[in-house]
Amino acid sequence: MTSFTIILHIYNSPLALVVTPLAMAPYSFLVKTLNDKGESMIIKRLPGKGWIGEKVKMKFFTKQNIRRLGKLLETKEKEILPLIKS
């Protein structure tokens, strides 16, 4: 599946993330930093439209930041759906 880049501002600093869609139902994504230091995590959308992180090793990814990233992904949903289906 095709990856794309999202910029998330954490502590007033931009963080470039490479997001790779994994599955359509439930929505799940593999998230890595752009410099790819081996740190990655998986985020999934919950049935109640919430977001949860799995295998989170990056200490700055709090529950709030995972929700913010999920909201960014939701705004890009029309662009993401064709990537997941391919």
Protein backbone atom coordinates (compact mmCIF):
# COMPACT_ATOMS: atom_id res chain seq x y z
CA MET A 1 0.00 0.00 0.00
CA THR A 2 1.08 3.54 -0.68
CA SER A 3 2.50 5.66 2.13
CA PHE A 4 2.02 9.38 2.59
CA THR A 5 3.48 12.08 4.83
CA ILE A 6 1.67 14.06 7.53
CA ILE A 7 3.11 16.92 9.56
CA LEU A 8 2.03 16.94 13.21
CA HIS A 9 3.09 19.79 15.49
CA ILE A 10 4.18 18.54 18.90
CA TYR A 11 5.55 20.95 21.50
CA ASN A 12 5.49 23.72 18.86
CA SER A 13 7.84 21.73 16.61
CA PRO A 14 6.82 20.11 13.32
CA LEU A 15 7.20 16.34 13.17
CA ALA A 16 7.05 14.66 9.77
CA LEU A 17 5.42 11.24 9.93
CA VAL A 18 5.22 8.57 7.23
CA VAL A 19 1.83 6.89 7.41
CA THR A 20 1.11 3.55 5.73
CA PRO A 21 -2.48 2.25 5.66
CA LEU A 22 -2.68 -1.36 6.89
CA ALA A 23 -6.37 -2.25 6.82
CA MET A 24 -9.70 -0.69 5.96
CA ALA A 25 -11.89 -2.27 8.64
CA PRO A 26 -11.00 -1.28 11.27
CA TYR A 27 -8.90 1.58 9.97
CA SER A 28 -5.33 0.96 11.04
CA PHE A 29 -2.11 2.68 10.07
CA LEU A 30 1.61 2.11 10.57
CA VAL A 31 3.24 5.39 11.62
CA LYS A 32 7.00 6.08 11.46
CA THR A 33 9.06 9.22 11.77
CA LEU A 34 10.45 10.57 8.52
CA ASN A 35 14.04 9.89 9.56
CA ASP A 36 12.99 6.25 10.25
CA LYS A 37 15.06 5.57 13.36
CA GLY A 38 13.26 2.27 13.74
CA GLU A 39 10.56 3.75 15.95
CA SER A 40 7.10 2.93 14.68
CA MET A 41 3.63 2.47 16.04
CA ILE A 42 0.24 1.33 14.87
CA ILE A 43 -2.85 3.44 15.37
CA LYS A 44 -6.38 2.12 14.98
CA ARG A 45 -9.78 3.77 14.86
CA LEU A 46 -12.16 2.43 17.49
CA PRO A 47 -15.85 1.80 16.73
CA GLY A 48 -16.80 4.91 18.73
CA LYS A 49 -14.65 7.00 16.35
CA GLY A 50 -11.84 7.25 18.90
CA TRP A 51 -8.21 6.36 18.22
CA ILE A 52 -5.80 4.05 20.05
CA GLY A 53 -2.07 3.47 19.68
CA GLU A 54 -0.31 0.11 19.76
CA LYS A 55 3.40 -0.56 20.11
CA VAL A 56 3.99 3.11 20.96
CA LYS A 57 7.70 3.67 21.68
CA MET A 58 7.89 7.41 21.02
CA LYS A 59 7.48 9.06 24.42
CA PHE A 60 5.91 12.24 23.02
CA PHE A 61 2.95 10.29 21.63
CA THR A 62 0.49 10.76 24.43
CA LYS A 63 -3.19 9.82 24.16
CA GLN A 64 -3.92 13.40 23.16
CA ASN A 65 -1.33 13.39 20.34
CA ILE A 66 -2.62 10.06 19.05
CA ARG A 67 -6.14 11.53 18.95
CA ARG A 68 -4.81 14.62 17.12
CA LEU A 69 -3.10 12.39 14.54
CA GLY A 70 -6.31 10.40 14.14
CA LYS A 71 -8.27 13.60 13.53
CA LEU A 72 -5.75 14.60 10.84
CA LEU A 73 -6.23 11.21 9.20
CA GLU A 74 -10.01 11.66 9.32
CA THR A 75 -9.72 14.97 7.48
CA LYS A 76 -7.71 13.21 4.78
CA GLU A 77 -10.15 10.26 4.64
CA LYS A 78 -11.26 10.88 1.03
CA GLU A 79 -7.61 10.84 -0.07
CA ILE A 80 -6.74 7.78 2.05
CA LEU A 81 -9.58 5.45 1.04
CA PRO A 82 -8.25 4.82 -2.50
CA LEU A 83 -4.83 3.99 -0.99
CA ILE A 84 -6.32 1.41 1.36
CA LYS A 85 -8.35 -0.28 -1.38
CA SER A 86 -5.36 -0.65 -3.72
